[in-house]
Structure formats: C-alpha cells, structure tokens
Amino acid sequence: MASFFQEFFGTARARGAVACFDPNVRRPMIRGGFESYRARVERFVGLVDIAKASDEDVRALYGDHIELASIAGEWLDRGARLVLLTRGAQGATAFF
C-alpha cells in the first residue's frame, strides 16, 4: 500500500495536480511499529503540496511533548508547500 501512495503522490505532483495527505493516525492500523510508520508519513509529506494532520495525529507519531510548529517546519522542509494542523475546538493553524 505504501508504494502505491508514494507513486500516486509523485505522479500527481509531476502532472501538476495538487496533492494532499492526511496521515489520520489510528494505532490499530499501524503495522511494523511507529518508527516505520512515521518514516512513511514523512516520505509522503515530501511528495504532497498540502499535509494536514490533527494535533492527536502529530502526538501519536512524535510523542506528547512535541511542539506542533516544529513538526510543521520539518514537514515544510521535507517538501510540503502548506501544512495544516488542526486542534479540534481550538481551530487550526496553517504553516507555509
């Protein structure tokens, strides 16, 4: 499945489409451990224009004490052009 998404995002971007990715982290879905899953998420983030994640997604991937803005910066450095981080009733923040 990961190779499909990697090819899909790469092809979409190469053809001028706007590609968006939301990791939508659900612990029961993760196979191979969080290190492997996080690496896939980071690879996908580098292939899309828009990366959207909730604060819960980010904390599941990086730990409870992570600064959301620092992860947004890392994702921008990886290649996303816009990072949207949602925080439930507290709204969302866009980084670009």
C-alpha atoms as a PDB file:
ATOM      1  CA  MET A   1       0.000   0.000   0.000  1.00  0.00           C
ATOM      2  CA  ALA A   2       2.799   2.433   0.863  1.00  0.00           C
ATOM      3  CA  SER A   3       4.410   2.032  -2.555  1.00  0.00           C
ATOM      4  CA  PHE A   4       1.063   2.768  -4.230  1.00  0.00           C
ATOM      5  CA  PHE A   5       0.672   6.046  -2.345  1.00  0.00           C
ATOM      6  CA  GLN A   6       4.271   7.030  -2.965  1.00  0.00           C
ATOM      7  CA  GLU A   7       3.825   6.510  -6.709  1.00  0.00           C
ATOM      8  CA  PHE A   8       0.408   8.183  -6.702  1.00  0.00           C
ATOM      9  CA  PHE A   9       1.602  11.332  -4.921  1.00  0.00           C
ATOM     10  CA  GLY A  10       4.708  11.576  -7.085  1.00  0.00           C
ATOM     11  CA  THR A  11       2.717  11.187 -10.299  1.00  0.00           C
ATOM     12  CA  ALA A  12       0.024  13.639  -9.204  1.00  0.00           C
ATOM     13  CA  ARG A  13       2.555  16.323  -8.377  1.00  0.00           C
ATOM     14  CA  ALA A  14       4.532  15.696 -11.575  1.00  0.00           C
ATOM     15  CA  ARG A  15       1.350  16.206 -13.597  1.00  0.00           C
ATOM     16  CA  GLY A  16       0.549  19.493 -11.881  1.00  0.00           C
ATOM     17  CA  ALA A  17      -2.232  18.250  -9.621  1.00  0.00           C
ATOM     18  CA  VAL A  18      -2.476  19.485  -6.064  1.00  0.00           C
ATOM     19  CA  ALA A  19      -1.845  16.506  -3.805  1.00  0.00           C
ATOM     20  CA  CYS A  20      -2.978  16.417  -0.180  1.00  0.00           C
ATOM     21  CA  PHE A  21      -2.155  13.914   2.552  1.00  0.00           C
ATOM     22  CA  ASP A  22      -3.698  13.363   5.984  1.00  0.00           C
ATOM     23  CA  PRO A  23      -2.000  10.576   7.969  1.00  0.00           C
ATOM     24  CA  ASN A  24      -5.139  10.074  10.099  1.00  0.00           C
ATOM     25  CA  VAL A  25      -3.177   8.011  12.608  1.00  0.00           C
ATOM     26  CA  ARG A  26      -5.112   5.169  14.193  1.00  0.00           C
ATOM     27  CA  ARG A  27      -2.975   2.971  16.411  1.00  0.00           C
ATOM     28  CA  PRO A  28      -4.673  -0.331  15.447  1.00  0.00           C
ATOM     29  CA  MET A  29      -3.870   0.329  11.761  1.00  0.00           C
ATOM     30  CA  ILE A  30      -0.129   0.681  12.288  1.00  0.00           C
ATOM     31  CA  ARG A  31       1.917  -2.314  11.212  1.00  0.00           C
ATOM     32  CA  GLY A  32       5.656  -2.581  11.707  1.00  0.00           C
ATOM     33  CA  GLY A  33       5.864  -0.128  14.612  1.00  0.00           C
ATOM     34  CA  PHE A  34       5.718   3.632  14.892  1.00  0.00           C
ATOM     35  CA  GLU A  35       9.260   4.219  13.619  1.00  0.00           C
ATOM     36  CA  SER A  36       8.401   2.592  10.309  1.00  0.00           C
ATOM     37  CA  TYR A  37       5.004   4.285  10.105  1.00  0.00           C
ATOM     38  CA  ARG A  38       6.470   7.704  10.930  1.00  0.00           C
ATOM     39  CA  ALA A  39       9.106   7.224   8.210  1.00  0.00           C
ATOM     40  CA  ARG A  40       6.358   6.504   5.659  1.00  0.00           C
ATOM     41  CA  VAL A  41       4.383   9.569   6.750  1.00  0.00           C
ATOM     42  CA  GLU A  42       7.487  11.735   6.415  1.00  0.00           C
ATOM     43  CA  ARG A  43       8.191  10.302   2.961  1.00  0.00           C
ATOM     44  CA  PHE A  44       4.613  11.036   1.836  1.00  0.00           C
ATOM     45  CA  VAL A  45       4.758  14.568   3.271  1.00  0.00           C
ATOM     46  CA  GLY A  46       7.683  15.220   0.947  1.00  0.00           C
ATOM     47  CA  LEU A  47       5.582  14.257  -2.068  1.00  0.00           C
ATOM     48  CA  VAL A  48       2.484  16.376  -1.499  1.00  0.00           C
ATOM     49  CA  ASP A  49       1.530  20.019  -1.685  1.00  0.00           C
ATOM     50  CA  ILE A  50      -0.697  20.007   1.392  1.00  0.00           C
ATOM     51  CA  ALA A  51      -0.103  17.982   4.543  1.00  0.00           C
ATOM     52  CA  LYS A  52      -2.975  18.059   7.042  1.00  0.00           C
ATOM     53  CA  ALA A  53      -2.857  16.472  10.465  1.00  0.00           C
ATOM     54  CA  SER A  54      -4.578  16.818  13.787  1.00  0.00           C
ATOM     55  CA  ASP A  55      -2.663  17.533  16.962  1.00  0.00           C
ATOM     56  CA  GLU A  56      -3.588  13.976  18.000  1.00  0.00           C
ATOM     57  CA  ASP A  57      -2.005  12.571  14.814  1.00  0.00           C
ATOM     58  CA  VAL A  58       1.207  14.503  15.418  1.00  0.00           C
ATOM     59  CA  ARG A  59       1.425  13.468  19.065  1.00  0.00           C
ATOM     60  CA  ALA A  60       0.785   9.828  18.174  1.00  0.00           C
ATOM     61  CA  LEU A  61       3.675   9.984  15.692  1.00  0.00           C
ATOM     62  CA  TYR A  62       6.170  12.094  17.656  1.00  0.00           C
ATOM     63  CA  GLY A  63       5.166  11.958  21.326  1.00  0.00           C
ATOM     64  CA  ASP A  64       3.048  14.037  23.664  1.00  0.00           C
ATOM     65  CA  HIS A  65       5.616  16.757  24.337  1.00  0.00           C
ATOM     66  CA  ILE A  66       6.398  17.717  20.744  1.00  0.00           C
ATOM     67  CA  GLU A  67       5.932  21.299  19.570  1.00  0.00           C
ATOM     68  CA  LEU A  68       3.407  21.246  16.731  1.00  0.00           C
ATOM     69  CA  ALA A  69       5.072  24.192  14.995  1.00  0.00           C
ATOM     70  CA  SER A  70       8.411  22.376  14.900  1.00  0.00           C
ATOM     71  CA  ILE A  71       6.828  19.390  13.153  1.00  0.00           C
ATOM     72  CA  ALA A  72       5.108  21.726  10.704  1.00  0.00           C
ATOM     73  CA  GLY A  73       8.510  23.254   9.944  1.00  0.00           C
ATOM     74  CA  GLU A  74      10.051  19.825   9.412  1.00  0.00           C
ATOM     75  CA  TRP A  75       7.239  18.845   7.058  1.00  0.00           C
ATOM     76  CA  LEU A  76       7.718  22.058   5.069  1.00  0.00           C
ATOM     77  CA  ASP A  77      11.442  21.304   4.852  1.00  0.00           C
ATOM     78  CA  ARG A  78      10.595  17.833   3.522  1.00  0.00           C
ATOM     79  CA  GLY A  79       8.636  19.343   0.636  1.00  0.00           C
ATOM     80  CA  ALA A  80       5.045  20.081   1.639  1.00  0.00           C
ATOM     81  CA  ARG A  81       4.064  23.560   0.496  1.00  0.00           C
ATOM     82  CA  LEU A  82       1.324  24.008   3.096  1.00  0.00           C
ATOM     83  CA  VAL A  83       0.901  22.270   6.451  1.00  0.00           C
ATOM     84  CA  LEU A  84      -2.449  22.455   8.226  1.00  0.00           C
ATOM     85  CA  LEU A  85      -2.542  21.401  11.860  1.00  0.00           C
ATOM     86  CA  THR A  86      -5.972  21.093  13.418  1.00  0.00           C
ATOM     87  CA  ARG A  87      -6.657  21.291  17.139  1.00  0.00           C
ATOM     88  CA  GLY A  88     -10.312  20.344  17.496  1.00  0.00           C
ATOM     89  CA  ALA A  89     -12.398  23.123  19.029  1.00  0.00           C
ATOM     90  CA  GLN A  90      -9.271  25.314  19.225  1.00  0.00           C
ATOM     91  CA  GLY A  91      -9.210  25.642  15.439  1.00  0.00           C
ATOM     92  CA  ALA A  92      -6.374  25.123  13.002  1.00  0.00           C
ATOM     93  CA  THR A  93      -3.077  26.715  12.063  1.00  0.00           C
ATOM     94  CA  ALA A  94      -1.604  26.946   8.576  1.00  0.00           C
ATOM     95  CA  PHE A  95       2.157  26.946   8.014  1.00  0.00           C
ATOM     96  CA  PHE A  96       3.775  27.855   4.700  1.00  0.00           C
END
